[in-house]
N, C-alpha and C. Protein backbone atom coordinates (compact mmCIF):
# COMPACT_ATOMS: atom_id res chain seq x y z
N MET A 1 -50.80 -0.39 -47.35
CA MET A 1 -49.45 -1.02 -47.20
C MET A 1 -48.90 -0.11 -45.60
N THR A 2 -48.62 -0.95 -44.83
CA THR A 2 -48.06 -0.50 -43.45
C THR A 2 -46.30 -0.59 -43.72
N HIS A 3 -45.74 0.14 -43.20
CA HIS A 3 -44.42 -0.03 -43.03
C HIS A 3 -44.08 -0.45 -41.91
N LYS A 4 -43.20 -1.41 -41.47
CA LYS A 4 -43.10 -1.60 -40.20
C LYS A 4 -41.42 -1.48 -40.26
N ALA A 5 -40.80 -0.94 -39.35
CA ALA A 5 -39.83 -0.51 -39.06
C ALA A 5 -38.74 -1.69 -38.93
N ASP A 6 -37.66 -1.97 -39.51
CA ASP A 6 -36.67 -2.89 -39.22
C ASP A 6 -35.86 -2.82 -38.12
N ASP A 7 -36.43 -3.42 -36.97
CA ASP A 7 -35.56 -3.12 -35.58
C ASP A 7 -34.14 -3.95 -35.39
N SER A 8 -33.97 -4.92 -36.09
CA SER A 8 -33.12 -5.72 -36.34
C SER A 8 -31.80 -5.48 -36.08
N ASN A 9 -31.39 -4.18 -36.52
CA ASN A 9 -30.04 -3.62 -36.57
C ASN A 9 -29.65 -2.74 -35.51
N LEU A 10 -30.72 -2.20 -34.75
CA LEU A 10 -30.82 -1.28 -33.85
C LEU A 10 -30.36 -2.39 -32.38
N LYS A 11 -29.42 -1.48 -31.87
CA LYS A 11 -28.82 -2.13 -30.70
C LYS A 11 -28.91 -1.17 -29.37
N GLN A 12 -29.13 -1.38 -28.42
CA GLN A 12 -29.20 -0.54 -27.17
C GLN A 12 -27.79 -0.25 -26.38
N VAL A 13 -27.65 0.88 -26.46
CA VAL A 13 -26.35 1.40 -25.85
C VAL A 13 -26.33 1.96 -24.71
N GLU A 14 -25.84 1.50 -23.57
CA GLU A 14 -26.02 2.24 -22.21
C GLU A 14 -24.73 3.03 -22.35
N ALA A 15 -24.43 4.17 -21.91
CA ALA A 15 -23.16 5.15 -21.61
C ALA A 15 -23.46 5.60 -20.14
N LYS A 16 -22.34 5.54 -19.50
CA LYS A 16 -22.27 6.11 -18.22
C LYS A 16 -20.86 7.13 -18.28
N ILE A 17 -21.19 8.45 -17.53
CA ILE A 17 -20.08 9.37 -16.95
C ILE A 17 -20.10 9.02 -15.71
N LEU A 18 -18.77 8.51 -15.19
CA LEU A 18 -18.33 8.66 -13.75
C LEU A 18 -17.82 9.88 -13.29
N ASP A 19 -18.25 10.25 -12.44
CA ASP A 19 -17.60 11.60 -11.73
C ASP A 19 -16.65 11.36 -10.75
N PHE A 20 -15.22 11.47 -11.28
CA PHE A 20 -14.41 10.82 -10.28
C PHE A 20 -13.48 12.45 -10.16
N ASN A 21 -13.89 13.39 -10.32
CA ASN A 21 -13.10 14.66 -9.86
C ASN A 21 -12.64 14.61 -8.81
N TRP A 22 -13.65 14.47 -7.65
CA TRP A 22 -13.62 14.86 -6.06
C TRP A 22 -12.41 13.71 -5.75
N ILE A 23 -11.69 12.54 -6.62
CA ILE A 23 -11.01 12.07 -6.03
C ILE A 23 -9.57 12.25 -6.06
N PHE A 24 -9.34 13.21 -7.27
CA PHE A 24 -8.15 13.80 -7.35
C PHE A 24 -7.81 15.31 -6.53
N VAL A 25 -8.79 15.49 -5.63
CA VAL A 25 -8.67 16.77 -4.80
C VAL A 25 -8.06 16.25 -3.59
N GLY A 26 -6.97 17.33 -3.13
CA GLY A 26 -6.53 16.73 -1.62
C GLY A 26 -6.10 15.35 -1.63
N ASP A 27 -6.35 14.83 -0.49
CA ASP A 27 -5.60 13.51 -0.32
C ASP A 27 -6.90 12.43 -0.44
N ASN A 28 -8.05 12.77 -1.31
CA ASN A 28 -9.21 11.96 -1.33
C ASN A 28 -8.88 10.50 -1.69
N SER A 29 -7.98 10.50 -2.77
CA SER A 29 -7.79 9.20 -3.38
C SER A 29 -7.16 8.40 -2.30
N ALA A 30 -5.88 8.86 -1.54
CA ALA A 30 -5.20 8.00 -0.56
C ALA A 30 -6.72 7.75 0.33
N ARG A 31 -7.38 8.50 0.87
CA ARG A 31 -8.61 8.06 1.58
C ARG A 31 -9.26 7.34 1.26
N LEU A 32 -9.45 7.07 0.07
CA LEU A 32 -10.69 5.89 -0.78
C LEU A 32 -9.58 4.80 -0.82
N ILE A 33 -8.71 4.60 -1.19
CA ILE A 33 -7.84 3.56 -0.98
C ILE A 33 -7.90 2.75 0.37
N LYS A 34 -7.60 3.87 1.30
CA LYS A 34 -7.28 3.19 2.58
C LYS A 34 -8.70 2.65 3.04
N ILE A 35 -9.91 3.28 2.68
CA ILE A 35 -10.99 2.73 3.22
C ILE A 35 -11.46 1.34 2.25
N LEU A 36 -11.21 1.40 0.85
CA LEU A 36 -11.16 0.20 0.08
C LEU A 36 -10.20 -1.28 0.97
N SER A 37 -9.19 -0.78 1.18
CA SER A 37 -8.13 -1.76 1.57
C SER A 37 -8.53 -2.24 2.92
N GLU A 38 -9.28 -1.47 3.83
CA GLU A 38 -9.70 -1.93 4.94
C GLU A 38 -11.24 -2.56 5.28
N THR A 39 -11.87 -2.37 4.15
CA THR A 39 -13.44 -2.73 4.16
C THR A 39 -13.19 -4.38 4.26
N ASP A 40 -14.55 -4.69 4.95
CA ASP A 40 -14.87 -6.29 5.42
C ASP A 40 -15.53 -6.36 3.86
N ASN A 41 -16.26 -5.69 3.52
CA ASN A 41 -17.47 -6.16 2.72
C ASN A 41 -16.84 -5.77 1.09
N ASP A 42 -16.86 -7.41 0.80
CA ASP A 42 -16.22 -7.62 -0.50
C ASP A 42 -17.35 -7.51 -1.84
N GLU A 43 -18.17 -7.07 -1.38
CA GLU A 43 -19.30 -6.82 -2.46
C GLU A 43 -19.09 -5.56 -3.06
N ILE A 44 -18.38 -4.54 -2.26
CA ILE A 44 -18.06 -3.36 -2.65
C ILE A 44 -17.36 -3.18 -3.71
N PHE A 45 -16.54 -4.31 -4.21
CA PHE A 45 -15.61 -4.37 -5.29
C PHE A 45 -16.51 -5.08 -6.60
N ALA A 46 -17.78 -5.26 -6.23
CA ALA A 46 -18.67 -5.70 -7.76
C ALA A 46 -19.37 -4.36 -7.91
N THR A 47 -19.26 -3.32 -7.53
CA THR A 47 -19.72 -2.07 -8.05
C THR A 47 -18.92 -1.81 -9.17
N ALA A 48 -19.73 -0.93 -10.13
CA ALA A 48 -19.17 -0.43 -11.29
C ALA A 48 -18.41 0.33 -11.21
N GLN A 49 -18.47 1.48 -10.49
CA GLN A 49 -17.72 2.61 -10.06
C GLN A 49 -16.38 2.18 -9.39
N ILE A 50 -16.62 1.47 -8.64
CA ILE A 50 -15.20 0.79 -8.02
C ILE A 50 -14.15 -0.04 -8.64
N ARG A 51 -14.89 -0.73 -9.70
CA ARG A 51 -14.08 -1.70 -10.77
C ARG A 51 -13.53 -0.68 -11.49
N VAL A 52 -14.10 0.29 -12.01
CA VAL A 52 -13.53 1.66 -12.83
C VAL A 52 -12.22 2.04 -12.13
N PHE A 53 -12.58 2.50 -10.96
CA PHE A 53 -11.71 3.39 -10.31
C PHE A 53 -10.35 2.38 -10.15
N VAL A 54 -10.56 1.15 -9.60
CA VAL A 54 -9.27 0.09 -9.25
C VAL A 54 -8.77 0.03 -11.00
N ASP A 55 -9.32 -0.44 -11.82
CA ASP A 55 -8.75 -0.42 -12.94
C ASP A 55 -7.97 0.69 -13.24
N PHE A 56 -8.57 1.92 -13.29
CA PHE A 56 -7.88 3.33 -13.42
C PHE A 56 -6.35 3.45 -12.79
N MET A 57 -6.65 3.03 -11.49
CA MET A 57 -5.41 3.14 -10.80
C MET A 57 -4.53 2.21 -10.91
N TRP A 58 -4.77 0.76 -11.24
CA TRP A 58 -3.84 -0.45 -11.52
C TRP A 58 -2.96 0.13 -12.67
N GLN A 59 -3.66 0.98 -13.58
CA GLN A 59 -2.58 1.25 -15.01
C GLN A 59 -1.35 1.82 -14.48
N GLY A 60 -1.50 2.78 -13.51
CA GLY A 60 -0.01 3.38 -13.21
C GLY A 60 0.61 2.59 -12.03
N TYR A 61 -0.11 1.74 -11.12
CA TYR A 61 0.71 1.05 -10.34
C TYR A 61 1.15 -0.13 -10.98
N TYR A 62 0.95 -0.75 -11.89
CA TYR A 62 1.51 -2.05 -12.36
C TYR A 62 2.71 -1.66 -13.04
N ASP A 63 3.07 -0.50 -13.82
CA ASP A 63 4.16 -0.05 -14.56
C ASP A 63 4.85 0.38 -13.23
N ALA A 64 4.66 0.76 -11.98
CA ALA A 64 5.66 1.05 -11.05
C ALA A 64 6.29 -0.08 -10.20
N ILE A 65 5.11 -0.67 -10.02
CA ILE A 65 5.47 -2.66 -9.48
C ILE A 65 6.36 -3.21 -10.25
N MET A 66 6.17 -2.93 -11.25
CA MET A 66 6.98 -3.94 -12.63
C MET A 66 8.41 -3.31 -12.38
N GLU A 67 8.68 -1.91 -12.60
CA GLU A 67 10.02 -1.12 -12.98
C GLU A 67 10.87 -1.20 -11.57
N GLN A 68 9.85 -0.95 -10.22
CA GLN A 68 10.78 -0.48 -9.15
C GLN A 68 10.80 -1.80 -8.25
N LEU A 69 10.14 -2.82 -8.27
CA LEU A 69 9.97 -3.96 -7.38
C LEU A 69 10.34 -5.18 -8.19
N PHE A 70 9.84 -5.37 -9.21
CA PHE A 70 9.73 -6.58 -9.72
C PHE A 70 11.13 -7.07 -10.29
N ILE A 71 11.53 -6.09 -11.34
CA ILE A 71 12.55 -6.08 -12.10
C ILE A 71 13.94 -6.10 -11.20
N PRO A 72 14.12 -5.18 -10.11
CA PRO A 72 15.18 -5.20 -9.31
C PRO A 72 14.91 -6.56 -8.20
N PHE A 73 14.15 -6.83 -8.19
CA PHE A 73 14.22 -8.32 -7.25
C PHE A 73 14.69 -9.49 -8.27
N VAL A 74 14.40 -9.60 -9.44
CA VAL A 74 14.89 -10.65 -10.64
C VAL A 74 16.37 -10.55 -10.50
N PHE A 75 17.11 -8.90 -10.63
CA PHE A 75 18.22 -8.92 -10.65
C PHE A 75 18.64 -9.38 -9.22
N TYR A 76 18.28 -9.15 -7.92
CA TYR A 76 18.59 -9.66 -6.82
C TYR A 76 18.91 -10.91 -6.66
N PHE A 77 17.69 -11.85 -7.05
CA PHE A 77 17.58 -13.11 -7.06
C PHE A 77 18.64 -14.14 -8.33
N VAL A 78 18.51 -13.48 -9.11
CA VAL A 78 19.74 -13.97 -10.26
C VAL A 78 21.17 -13.82 -9.52
N SER A 79 21.50 -12.61 -8.77
CA SER A 79 22.74 -12.42 -8.69
C SER A 79 23.24 -13.03 -7.41
N PHE A 80 22.25 -13.64 -6.44
CA PHE A 80 22.33 -14.31 -5.35
C PHE A 80 22.95 -15.80 -5.59
N ILE A 81 21.85 -16.35 -6.69
CA ILE A 81 22.04 -17.53 -7.23
C ILE A 81 23.32 -17.87 -7.87
N LEU A 82 23.48 -16.97 -8.67
CA LEU A 82 24.58 -16.86 -9.37
C LEU A 82 26.00 -16.64 -8.50
N TYR A 83 26.06 -16.04 -7.39
CA TYR A 83 27.12 -15.84 -6.40
C TYR A 83 27.38 -17.24 -5.64
N THR A 84 26.12 -17.34 -4.98
CA THR A 84 25.92 -18.71 -4.10
C THR A 84 26.47 -19.99 -4.90
N GLY A 85 25.82 -20.14 -6.15
CA GLY A 85 26.12 -21.49 -6.77
C GLY A 85 26.99 -21.38 -7.60
N TYR A 86 27.66 -20.31 -7.82
CA TYR A 86 28.71 -20.64 -9.29
C TYR A 86 30.03 -19.99 -8.90
N PHE A 87 29.85 -18.42 -8.21
CA PHE A 87 31.12 -17.70 -8.36
C PHE A 87 31.75 -17.94 -6.98
N SER A 88 31.19 -18.55 -5.65
CA SER A 88 31.52 -18.83 -4.51
C SER A 88 32.63 -19.93 -4.65
N HIS A 89 32.54 -20.72 -5.47
CA HIS A 89 33.50 -21.92 -5.52
C HIS A 89 34.91 -21.28 -6.06
N PHE A 90 35.34 -20.49 -6.71
CA PHE A 90 36.40 -20.05 -7.23
C PHE A 90 37.03 -19.18 -6.42
N GLU A 91 38.17 -19.13 -6.12
CA GLU A 91 39.21 -18.61 -5.45
C GLU A 91 40.23 -18.06 -6.05
N ASP A 92 40.68 -17.18 -6.85
CA ASP A 92 41.57 -16.88 -7.67
C ASP A 92 42.00 -15.46 -6.90
N ASP A 93 43.42 -15.37 -6.84
CA ASP A 93 44.11 -14.42 -6.53
C ASP A 93 44.21 -13.45 -7.87
N GLU A 94 44.26 -13.93 -9.16
CA GLU A 94 44.64 -12.92 -10.28
C GLU A 94 43.17 -12.26 -11.18
N LEU A 95 43.32 -11.51 -11.45
CA LEU A 95 42.21 -10.65 -12.54
C LEU A 95 41.83 -11.71 -13.48
N SER A 96 40.87 -12.10 -13.55
CA SER A 96 40.10 -12.97 -14.62
C SER A 96 38.83 -12.46 -14.98
N PHE A 97 38.52 -13.33 -15.99
CA PHE A 97 36.95 -13.07 -16.04
C PHE A 97 35.77 -13.46 -14.89
N ASN A 98 36.30 -14.59 -14.55
CA ASN A 98 35.45 -15.18 -13.12
C ASN A 98 35.64 -14.05 -12.29
N PHE A 99 36.76 -13.81 -11.93
CA PHE A 99 36.98 -12.88 -10.59
C PHE A 99 36.10 -11.38 -10.94
N MET A 100 36.04 -10.67 -12.29
CA MET A 100 35.15 -9.76 -12.48
C MET A 100 33.62 -9.92 -12.64
N MET A 101 33.48 -11.20 -12.98
CA MET A 101 32.09 -11.22 -13.02
C MET A 101 31.52 -11.47 -11.52
N GLU A 102 32.42 -12.22 -10.82
CA GLU A 102 31.76 -12.41 -9.20
C GLU A 102 31.56 -10.65 -8.65
N ILE A 103 32.57 -10.05 -8.80
CA ILE A 103 32.52 -8.50 -8.40
C ILE A 103 31.29 -7.97 -9.02
N VAL A 104 31.19 -8.10 -10.35
CA VAL A 104 29.73 -7.28 -10.60
C VAL A 104 28.60 -8.20 -10.17
N THR A 105 28.69 -9.12 -9.82
CA THR A 105 27.69 -9.92 -9.14
C THR A 105 27.37 -9.61 -7.94
N LEU A 106 28.46 -9.40 -7.07
CA LEU A 106 28.54 -8.82 -5.65
C LEU A 106 27.88 -7.53 -5.82
N VAL A 107 28.34 -6.32 -6.52
CA VAL A 107 27.73 -5.38 -6.19
C VAL A 107 26.35 -5.16 -6.65
N ILE A 108 25.69 -5.99 -7.80
CA ILE A 108 24.45 -6.16 -7.98
C ILE A 108 23.36 -6.91 -6.61
N PHE A 109 24.16 -7.78 -6.60
CA PHE A 109 23.38 -8.23 -4.91
C PHE A 109 23.59 -7.40 -3.97
N GLY A 110 24.67 -6.57 -3.34
CA GLY A 110 24.76 -5.61 -2.60
C GLY A 110 23.79 -4.48 -2.89
N LYS A 111 23.67 -3.83 -3.93
CA LYS A 111 22.72 -2.68 -4.34
C LYS A 111 21.39 -3.28 -4.09
N THR A 112 20.69 -4.18 -4.32
CA THR A 112 19.48 -4.68 -4.46
C THR A 112 19.21 -5.21 -3.12
N PHE A 113 19.84 -5.50 -2.31
CA PHE A 113 19.94 -6.06 -1.22
C PHE A 113 19.39 -4.62 -0.19
N ILE A 114 20.45 -4.00 -0.19
CA ILE A 114 20.35 -2.81 0.53
C ILE A 114 18.87 -1.94 0.13
N THR A 115 18.58 -2.07 -0.88
CA THR A 115 17.13 -1.44 -1.60
C THR A 115 15.93 -2.37 -1.11
N PHE A 116 15.96 -3.51 -0.95
CA PHE A 116 14.96 -4.26 -0.08
C PHE A 116 14.73 -4.02 1.26
N LEU A 117 16.02 -4.30 1.72
CA LEU A 117 16.33 -4.03 3.43
C LEU A 117 15.35 -2.60 3.64
N ILE A 118 15.98 -1.54 3.02
CA ILE A 118 15.44 -0.18 3.18
C ILE A 118 13.89 -0.40 3.11
N LEU A 119 13.35 -1.35 1.97
CA LEU A 119 11.88 -1.09 1.79
C LEU A 119 11.22 -1.75 3.32
N GLU A 120 11.79 -2.76 3.28
CA GLU A 120 11.32 -3.93 4.67
C GLU A 120 11.42 -2.79 5.83
N MET A 121 12.10 -2.06 6.09
CA MET A 121 12.46 -1.25 7.36
C MET A 121 11.39 0.09 7.01
N ILE A 122 11.23 0.26 5.95
CA ILE A 122 10.19 1.53 5.80
C ILE A 122 8.49 1.04 5.97
């Protein structure tokens, strides 16, 4: 009687360890990002190592973009729409809820406008 091994439960696993330590030395990561941004060869992004690098870097950039750009832009947009569409039609000389909300809206709009103006100048 011969024993034939049951290979049905065996699966092939391929593990790769990518050596990215050199990226975090000096300004290597900035240089790599600059090279990737200026390349005309789109096929480089199909490389597994570059995809892993981009996914790794995106994890940090996503949070920064969301917190420092997108959320302030939403405040900027909403305050602009509120002021131009609603609060600009009221002309009260007395202290009222609408007047206070108009001032708050103008402060938010002014602060975010200056922030985005500085970003554009940079």
